[in-house]
Amino acid sequence: MLFRSPIHLFRAGLGPLFGGRLLLLIHTGRQSGRSREVVLEVVARDRRQDTWTVASGFGSEAQWYRNLRHTPQATIQFGRGYHVVTAQFPTPEEGARIMTEYARRHPRAARTLCRYMGFPIDGHTIDFRSAGKQIPFVRLKSDEPR
């Protein structure tokens, strides 16, 4: 129940409480075809490209990640707004860059994520680059015209 509480807060229109750090991903189950929801941390936001990047802390076996691999079209709720998006899967080299930038902006959260996933981290950029090459990142690109 506790882990699902952010979903209920988003549904209640309280997404702005998360200060742009979280989004609600509404995606399609690859086997059931039913709508699924998960709240994820935004590790990068590019307003010019209209993208949000998230990381799979449970690796490539996370259900939401596998679902997006099967059906990349999804919807996100970010703040109070909904956006139709398509999932893109950055290369390991892009992942290294994403993780390095994330670690610069949020060093404690980056260390926690890396340790949780079993990557040895002592705070050096090279450690974050190495971890970033192995973390499955997903870039959610808005399908809406600008």
N, C-alpha and C. Protein backbone atom coordinates (compact mmCIF):
# COMPACT_ATOMS: atom_id res chain seq x y z
N MET A 1 0.82 -1.20 0.00
CA MET A 1 0.00 0.00 0.00
C MET A 1 0.87 1.27 0.00
N LEU A 2 1.92 1.24 0.82
CA LEU A 2 2.80 2.40 0.93
C LEU A 2 3.47 2.72 -0.41
N PHE A 3 3.92 1.67 -1.13
CA PHE A 3 4.59 1.89 -2.40
C PHE A 3 3.62 2.40 -3.47
N ARG A 4 2.34 2.13 -3.33
CA ARG A 4 1.35 2.57 -4.30
C ARG A 4 0.80 3.97 -3.97
N SER A 5 1.13 4.50 -2.81
CA SER A 5 0.55 5.79 -2.40
C SER A 5 0.88 6.94 -3.36
N PRO A 6 2.08 7.01 -3.97
CA PRO A 6 2.30 8.09 -4.94
C PRO A 6 1.33 8.03 -6.13
N ILE A 7 0.92 6.83 -6.52
CA ILE A 7 -0.04 6.70 -7.62
C ILE A 7 -1.34 7.38 -7.23
N HIS A 8 -1.79 7.15 -6.01
CA HIS A 8 -3.04 7.76 -5.54
C HIS A 8 -2.92 9.29 -5.45
N LEU A 9 -1.74 9.77 -5.08
CA LEU A 9 -1.54 11.22 -5.02
C LEU A 9 -1.59 11.83 -6.42
N PHE A 10 -0.99 11.16 -7.40
CA PHE A 10 -1.08 11.64 -8.78
C PHE A 10 -2.54 11.65 -9.24
N ARG A 11 -3.26 10.57 -8.97
CA ARG A 11 -4.67 10.48 -9.38
C ARG A 11 -5.51 11.60 -8.76
N ALA A 12 -5.13 12.02 -7.56
CA ALA A 12 -5.86 13.08 -6.86
C ALA A 12 -5.46 14.47 -7.35
N GLY A 13 -4.58 14.53 -8.36
CA GLY A 13 -4.16 15.82 -8.90
C GLY A 13 -3.05 16.47 -8.11
N LEU A 14 -2.36 15.68 -7.27
CA LEU A 14 -1.33 16.23 -6.41
C LEU A 14 0.09 15.97 -6.93
N GLY A 15 0.21 15.69 -8.22
CA GLY A 15 1.52 15.47 -8.84
C GLY A 15 2.52 16.59 -8.60
N PRO A 16 2.07 17.86 -8.58
CA PRO A 16 3.02 18.95 -8.34
C PRO A 16 3.73 18.87 -6.98
N LEU A 17 3.19 18.12 -6.05
CA LEU A 17 3.85 17.96 -4.75
C LEU A 17 5.24 17.35 -4.88
N PHE A 18 5.48 16.62 -5.95
CA PHE A 18 6.75 15.93 -6.14
C PHE A 18 7.81 16.80 -6.79
N GLY A 19 7.48 18.06 -7.03
CA GLY A 19 8.47 19.04 -7.49
C GLY A 19 9.18 18.69 -8.79
N GLY A 20 8.52 18.00 -9.68
CA GLY A 20 9.13 17.66 -10.96
C GLY A 20 10.12 16.50 -10.88
N ARG A 21 10.21 15.85 -9.73
CA ARG A 21 11.15 14.72 -9.58
C ARG A 21 10.52 13.38 -9.93
N LEU A 22 9.18 13.30 -9.93
CA LEU A 22 8.49 12.04 -10.21
C LEU A 22 7.47 12.23 -11.32
N LEU A 23 7.17 11.13 -12.01
CA LEU A 23 6.08 11.12 -12.98
C LEU A 23 5.31 9.82 -12.83
N LEU A 24 4.08 9.84 -13.30
CA LEU A 24 3.25 8.64 -13.32
C LEU A 24 3.26 8.12 -14.75
N LEU A 25 3.73 6.89 -14.93
CA LEU A 25 3.76 6.25 -16.24
C LEU A 25 2.56 5.33 -16.36
N ILE A 26 1.75 5.56 -17.37
CA ILE A 26 0.59 4.72 -17.66
C ILE A 26 0.92 3.97 -18.95
N HIS A 27 1.08 2.67 -18.84
CA HIS A 27 1.56 1.85 -19.96
C HIS A 27 0.69 0.61 -20.11
N THR A 28 0.96 -0.17 -21.15
CA THR A 28 0.15 -1.35 -21.46
C THR A 28 0.90 -2.62 -21.09
N GLY A 29 0.24 -3.49 -20.34
CA GLY A 29 0.83 -4.78 -19.99
C GLY A 29 1.06 -5.61 -21.24
N ARG A 30 2.24 -6.18 -21.36
CA ARG A 30 2.59 -6.90 -22.59
C ARG A 30 1.83 -8.21 -22.74
N GLN A 31 1.38 -8.82 -21.65
CA GLN A 31 0.63 -10.07 -21.75
C GLN A 31 -0.86 -9.84 -21.59
N SER A 32 -1.23 -9.01 -20.64
CA SER A 32 -2.66 -8.79 -20.37
C SER A 32 -3.29 -7.78 -21.31
N GLY A 33 -2.48 -6.84 -21.83
CA GLY A 33 -3.03 -5.76 -22.65
C GLY A 33 -3.76 -4.72 -21.82
N ARG A 34 -3.73 -4.86 -20.50
CA ARG A 34 -4.42 -3.93 -19.59
C ARG A 34 -3.52 -2.75 -19.23
N SER A 35 -4.15 -1.67 -18.86
CA SER A 35 -3.44 -0.47 -18.44
C SER A 35 -2.74 -0.73 -17.10
N ARG A 36 -1.50 -0.29 -17.01
CA ARG A 36 -0.68 -0.42 -15.79
C ARG A 36 -0.12 0.94 -15.43
N GLU A 37 0.14 1.15 -14.14
CA GLU A 37 0.66 2.43 -13.66
C GLU A 37 1.84 2.20 -12.73
N VAL A 38 2.81 3.08 -12.84
CA VAL A 38 3.95 3.06 -11.93
C VAL A 38 4.47 4.50 -11.82
N VAL A 39 4.94 4.86 -10.63
CA VAL A 39 5.56 6.17 -10.42
C VAL A 39 7.07 5.97 -10.48
N LEU A 40 7.72 6.84 -11.26
CA LEU A 40 9.16 6.75 -11.49
C LEU A 40 9.83 8.10 -11.27
N GLU A 41 11.09 8.04 -10.88
CA GLU A 41 11.86 9.28 -10.72
C GLU A 41 12.35 9.76 -12.08
N VAL A 42 12.24 11.05 -12.31
CA VAL A 42 12.76 11.67 -13.52
C VAL A 42 14.24 11.95 -13.28
N VAL A 43 15.10 11.30 -14.05
CA VAL A 43 16.54 11.53 -13.87
C VAL A 43 17.05 12.63 -14.80
N ALA A 44 16.29 12.93 -15.84
CA ALA A 44 16.65 14.03 -16.74
C ALA A 44 15.38 14.53 -17.43
N ARG A 45 15.34 15.85 -17.63
CA ARG A 45 14.21 16.48 -18.32
C ARG A 45 14.78 17.44 -19.35
N ASP A 46 14.39 17.28 -20.61
CA ASP A 46 14.84 18.17 -21.67
C ASP A 46 13.60 18.86 -22.24
N ARG A 47 13.41 20.09 -21.86
CA ARG A 47 12.23 20.85 -22.30
C ARG A 47 12.28 21.15 -23.80
N ARG A 48 13.47 21.38 -24.34
CA ARG A 48 13.58 21.68 -25.78
C ARG A 48 13.18 20.48 -26.63
N GLN A 49 13.60 19.29 -26.22
CA GLN A 49 13.27 18.07 -26.95
C GLN A 49 11.94 17.46 -26.49
N ASP A 50 11.39 18.01 -25.41
CA ASP A 50 10.14 17.53 -24.82
C ASP A 50 10.26 16.06 -24.42
N THR A 51 11.29 15.76 -23.60
CA THR A 51 11.53 14.40 -23.14
C THR A 51 11.72 14.35 -21.63
N TRP A 52 11.43 13.18 -21.09
CA TRP A 52 11.67 12.84 -19.70
C TRP A 52 12.45 11.54 -19.71
N THR A 53 13.52 11.44 -18.94
CA THR A 53 14.30 10.21 -18.88
C THR A 53 14.17 9.61 -17.50
N VAL A 54 13.91 8.30 -17.46
CA VAL A 54 13.76 7.54 -16.22
C VAL A 54 14.72 6.36 -16.25
N ALA A 55 14.99 5.80 -15.07
CA ALA A 55 15.89 4.65 -14.97
C ALA A 55 15.14 3.50 -14.32
N SER A 56 15.48 2.29 -14.73
CA SER A 56 14.89 1.12 -14.11
C SER A 56 15.80 0.63 -12.99
N GLY A 57 15.43 0.96 -11.76
CA GLY A 57 16.20 0.54 -10.60
C GLY A 57 16.21 -0.97 -10.39
N PHE A 58 15.27 -1.67 -11.01
CA PHE A 58 15.22 -3.13 -10.92
C PHE A 58 15.81 -3.78 -12.17
N GLY A 59 16.50 -3.00 -12.99
CA GLY A 59 17.13 -3.53 -14.18
C GLY A 59 16.14 -3.79 -15.31
N SER A 60 16.60 -4.53 -16.29
CA SER A 60 15.78 -4.76 -17.48
C SER A 60 14.66 -5.77 -17.25
N GLU A 61 14.59 -6.34 -16.07
CA GLU A 61 13.51 -7.29 -15.75
C GLU A 61 12.31 -6.61 -15.11
N ALA A 62 12.38 -5.31 -14.83
CA ALA A 62 11.23 -4.60 -14.27
C ALA A 62 10.05 -4.72 -15.23
N GLN A 63 8.88 -4.97 -14.69
CA GLN A 63 7.70 -5.18 -15.53
C GLN A 63 7.41 -3.98 -16.42
N TRP A 64 7.48 -2.77 -15.87
CA TRP A 64 7.17 -1.59 -16.67
C TRP A 64 8.17 -1.44 -17.83
N TYR A 65 9.42 -1.77 -17.56
CA TYR A 65 10.46 -1.67 -18.60
C TYR A 65 10.18 -2.69 -19.71
N ARG A 66 9.88 -3.91 -19.33
CA ARG A 66 9.58 -4.95 -20.31
C ARG A 66 8.31 -4.60 -21.10
N ASN A 67 7.33 -4.01 -20.41
CA ASN A 67 6.11 -3.60 -21.09
C ASN A 67 6.38 -2.53 -22.15
N LEU A 68 7.23 -1.55 -21.80
CA LEU A 68 7.56 -0.49 -22.77
C LEU A 68 8.37 -1.05 -23.94
N ARG A 69 9.20 -2.03 -23.70
CA ARG A 69 9.93 -2.67 -24.80
C ARG A 69 8.95 -3.31 -25.78
N HIS A 70 7.88 -3.87 -25.25
CA HIS A 70 6.87 -4.53 -26.08
C HIS A 70 5.95 -3.52 -26.77
N THR A 71 5.49 -2.52 -26.00
CA THR A 71 4.59 -1.48 -26.52
C THR A 71 5.13 -0.14 -26.05
N PRO A 72 5.92 0.56 -26.89
CA PRO A 72 6.56 1.80 -26.45
C PRO A 72 5.64 3.00 -26.31
N GLN A 73 4.41 2.92 -26.80
CA GLN A 73 3.49 4.04 -26.66
C GLN A 73 2.89 4.02 -25.25
N ALA A 74 2.87 5.19 -24.62
CA ALA A 74 2.38 5.29 -23.25
C ALA A 74 1.87 6.71 -23.00
N THR A 75 1.42 6.92 -21.79
CA THR A 75 1.00 8.26 -21.34
C THR A 75 1.70 8.51 -20.01
N ILE A 76 2.11 9.74 -19.79
CA ILE A 76 2.65 10.10 -18.47
C ILE A 76 1.83 11.24 -17.90
N GLN A 77 1.82 11.28 -16.58
CA GLN A 77 1.31 12.44 -15.87
C GLN A 77 2.52 13.06 -15.19
N PHE A 78 2.79 14.29 -15.54
CA PHE A 78 3.91 15.03 -14.97
C PHE A 78 3.32 16.30 -14.40
N GLY A 79 3.41 16.48 -13.10
CA GLY A 79 2.68 17.58 -12.47
C GLY A 79 1.20 17.30 -12.61
N ARG A 80 0.48 18.26 -13.14
CA ARG A 80 -0.96 18.07 -13.38
C ARG A 80 -1.26 17.69 -14.82
N GLY A 81 -0.26 17.79 -15.70
CA GLY A 81 -0.48 17.56 -17.12
C GLY A 81 -0.25 16.13 -17.56
N TYR A 82 -1.01 15.72 -18.56
CA TYR A 82 -0.85 14.40 -19.18
C TYR A 82 -0.18 14.59 -20.54
N HIS A 83 0.68 13.65 -20.90
CA HIS A 83 1.41 13.71 -22.16
C HIS A 83 1.45 12.33 -22.79
N VAL A 84 1.12 12.25 -24.07
CA VAL A 84 1.27 11.01 -24.83
C VAL A 84 2.73 10.94 -25.25
N VAL A 85 3.37 9.80 -24.97
CA VAL A 85 4.80 9.65 -25.21
C VAL A 85 5.11 8.34 -25.92
N THR A 86 6.30 8.28 -26.47
CA THR A 86 6.85 7.05 -27.02
C THR A 86 8.18 6.80 -26.33
N ALA A 87 8.38 5.57 -25.87
CA ALA A 87 9.61 5.20 -25.18
C ALA A 87 10.74 4.99 -26.19
N GLN A 88 11.89 5.53 -25.84
CA GLN A 88 13.12 5.33 -26.60
C GLN A 88 14.15 4.76 -25.62
N PHE A 89 15.06 3.96 -26.11
CA PHE A 89 15.99 3.27 -25.24
C PHE A 89 17.42 3.70 -25.57
N PRO A 90 17.98 4.58 -24.73
CA PRO A 90 19.33 5.09 -24.98
C PRO A 90 20.38 3.98 -25.01
N THR A 91 21.45 4.23 -25.75
CA THR A 91 22.58 3.30 -25.82
C THR A 91 23.31 3.31 -24.48
N PRO A 92 24.15 2.31 -24.22
CA PRO A 92 24.95 2.33 -22.99
C PRO A 92 25.81 3.58 -22.85
N GLU A 93 26.36 4.07 -23.96
CA GLU A 93 27.18 5.29 -23.89
C GLU A 93 26.32 6.50 -23.50
N GLU A 94 25.11 6.57 -24.04
CA GLU A 94 24.19 7.64 -23.62
C GLU A 94 23.83 7.48 -22.15
N GLY A 95 23.65 6.24 -21.71
CA GLY A 95 23.36 5.97 -20.30
C GLY A 95 24.47 6.46 -19.39
N ALA A 96 25.72 6.30 -19.83
CA ALA A 96 26.86 6.79 -19.05
C ALA A 96 26.78 8.30 -18.89
N ARG A 97 26.44 8.99 -19.98
CA ARG A 97 26.32 10.46 -19.93
C ARG A 97 25.15 10.88 -19.04
N ILE A 98 24.03 10.19 -19.17
CA ILE A 98 22.84 10.50 -18.36
C ILE A 98 23.16 10.34 -16.88
N MET A 99 23.81 9.23 -16.52
CA MET A 99 24.11 8.96 -15.11
C MET A 99 25.11 9.94 -14.55
N THR A 100 26.10 10.31 -15.34
CA THR A 100 27.11 11.27 -14.89
C THR A 100 26.46 12.62 -14.59
N GLU A 101 25.57 13.06 -15.46
CA GLU A 101 24.87 14.34 -15.26
C GLU A 101 23.94 14.26 -14.05
N TYR A 102 23.24 13.14 -13.92
CA TYR A 102 22.34 12.94 -12.77
C TYR A 102 23.14 12.98 -11.47
N ALA A 103 24.30 12.32 -11.44
CA ALA A 103 25.14 12.31 -10.24
C ALA A 103 25.64 13.70 -9.90
N ARG A 104 25.90 14.53 -10.92
CA ARG A 104 26.33 15.91 -10.67
C ARG A 104 25.20 16.70 -10.00
N ARG A 105 23.96 16.51 -10.46
CA ARG A 105 22.82 17.26 -9.92
C ARG A 105 22.29 16.69 -8.59
N HIS A 106 22.35 15.37 -8.45
CA HIS A 106 21.78 14.69 -7.27
C HIS A 106 22.75 13.62 -6.76
N PRO A 107 23.88 14.03 -6.18
CA PRO A 107 24.92 13.06 -5.82
C PRO A 107 24.46 11.98 -4.83
N ARG A 108 23.71 12.35 -3.84
CA ARG A 108 23.28 11.36 -2.84
C ARG A 108 22.31 10.35 -3.45
N ALA A 109 21.34 10.84 -4.24
CA ALA A 109 20.38 9.94 -4.89
C ALA A 109 21.10 9.01 -5.88
N ALA A 110 22.08 9.53 -6.60
CA ALA A 110 22.84 8.72 -7.57
C ALA A 110 23.61 7.62 -6.86
N ARG A 111 24.25 7.95 -5.74
CA ARG A 111 24.98 6.93 -4.98
C ARG A 111 24.02 5.86 -4.46
N THR A 112 22.87 6.30 -3.97
CA THR A 112 21.87 5.35 -3.45
C THR A 112 21.39 4.41 -4.55
N LEU A 113 21.04 4.96 -5.73
CA LEU A 113 20.59 4.14 -6.85
C LEU A 113 21.66 3.12 -7.24
N CYS A 114 22.89 3.57 -7.36
CA CYS A 114 23.98 2.67 -7.78
C CYS A 114 24.22 1.58 -6.75
N ARG A 115 24.22 1.93 -5.50
CA ARG A 115 24.43 0.91 -4.46
C ARG A 115 23.28 -0.08 -4.44
N TYR A 116 22.06 0.43 -4.59
CA TYR A 116 20.87 -0.43 -4.61
C TYR A 116 20.97 -1.46 -5.74
N MET A 117 21.52 -1.03 -6.86
CA MET A 117 21.64 -1.92 -8.02
C MET A 117 22.92 -2.77 -7.97
N GLY A 118 23.73 -2.58 -6.92
CA GLY A 118 24.91 -3.42 -6.75
C GLY A 118 26.17 -2.92 -7.44
N PHE A 119 26.20 -1.64 -7.84
CA PHE A 119 27.39 -1.10 -8.48
C PHE A 119 28.31 -0.48 -7.43
N PRO A 120 29.61 -0.78 -7.47
CA PRO A 120 30.53 -0.16 -6.52
C PRO A 120 30.72 1.32 -6.87
N ILE A 121 30.48 2.17 -5.90
CA ILE A 121 30.55 3.62 -6.12
C ILE A 121 31.35 4.25 -4.99
N ASP A 122 32.35 5.03 -5.36
CA ASP A 122 33.03 5.81 -4.33
C ASP A 122 32.90 7.32 -4.59
N GLY A 123 32.03 7.66 -5.55
CA GLY A 123 31.75 9.07 -5.80
C GLY A 123 32.49 9.67 -6.98
N HIS A 124 33.36 8.91 -7.63
CA HIS A 124 34.09 9.42 -8.77
C HIS A 124 33.25 9.32 -10.05
N THR A 125 33.47 10.25 -10.94
CA THR A 125 32.73 10.30 -12.21
C THR A 125 32.85 8.98 -12.97
N ILE A 126 34.02 8.38 -12.96
CA ILE A 126 34.22 7.14 -13.72
C ILE A 126 33.30 6.03 -13.21
N ASP A 127 33.04 6.00 -11.90
CA ASP A 127 32.13 5.00 -11.34
C ASP A 127 30.71 5.21 -11.86
N PHE A 128 30.27 6.47 -11.90
CA PHE A 128 28.92 6.76 -12.37
C PHE A 128 28.80 6.47 -13.88
N ARG A 129 29.85 6.77 -14.63
CA ARG A 129 29.83 6.44 -16.08
C ARG A 129 29.70 4.93 -16.28
N SER A 130 30.47 4.18 -15.52
CA SER A 130 30.44 2.73 -15.63
C SER A 130 29.06 2.18 -15.26
N ALA A 131 28.50 2.66 -14.18
CA ALA A 131 27.16 2.22 -13.77
C ALA A 131 26.13 2.60 -14.82
N GLY A 132 26.23 3.82 -15.34
CA GLY A 132 25.27 4.31 -16.32
C GLY A 132 25.24 3.49 -17.59
N LYS A 133 26.35 2.85 -17.92
CA LYS A 133 26.39 2.00 -19.11
C LYS A 133 25.57 0.72 -18.90
N GLN A 134 25.32 0.38 -17.64
CA GLN A 134 24.62 -0.87 -17.33
C GLN A 134 23.17 -0.66 -16.88
N ILE A 135 22.82 0.56 -16.49
CA ILE A 135 21.46 0.84 -16.03
C ILE A 135 20.55 1.02 -17.23
N PRO A 136 19.41 0.34 -17.25
CA PRO A 136 18.47 0.55 -18.35
C PRO A 136 17.72 1.88 -18.18
N PHE A 137 18.03 2.82 -19.04
CA PHE A 137 17.34 4.10 -19.05
C PHE A 137 16.28 4.08 -20.13
N VAL A 138 15.25 4.88 -19.94
CA VAL A 138 14.20 5.03 -20.94
C VAL A 138 13.94 6.52 -21.10
N ARG A 139 13.98 6.98 -22.34
CA ARG A 139 13.64 8.37 -22.66
C ARG A 139 12.21 8.37 -23.17
N LEU A 140 11.35 9.15 -22.54
CA LEU A 140 9.94 9.26 -22.91
C LEU A 140 9.77 10.54 -23.71
N LYS A 141 9.55 10.39 -25.00
CA LYS A 141 9.46 11.52 -25.93
C LYS A 141 8.00 11.85 -26.20
N SER A 142 7.65 13.11 -25.99
CA SER A 142 6.28 13.55 -26.23
C SER A 142 5.91 13.39 -27.70
N ASP A 143 4.73 12.86 -27.95
CA ASP A 143 4.21 12.72 -29.31
C ASP A 143 3.36 13.92 -29.71
N GLU A 144 3.19 14.84 -28.80
CA GLU A 144 2.30 15.98 -29.03
C GLU A 144 3.02 17.06 -29.83
N PRO A 145 2.30 17.67 -30.77
CA PRO A 145 2.93 18.76 -31.54
C PRO A 145 3.25 19.93 -30.63
N ARG A 146 4.34 20.60 -30.92
CA ARG A 146 4.77 21.73 -30.09
C ARG A 146 4.19 23.01 -30.59
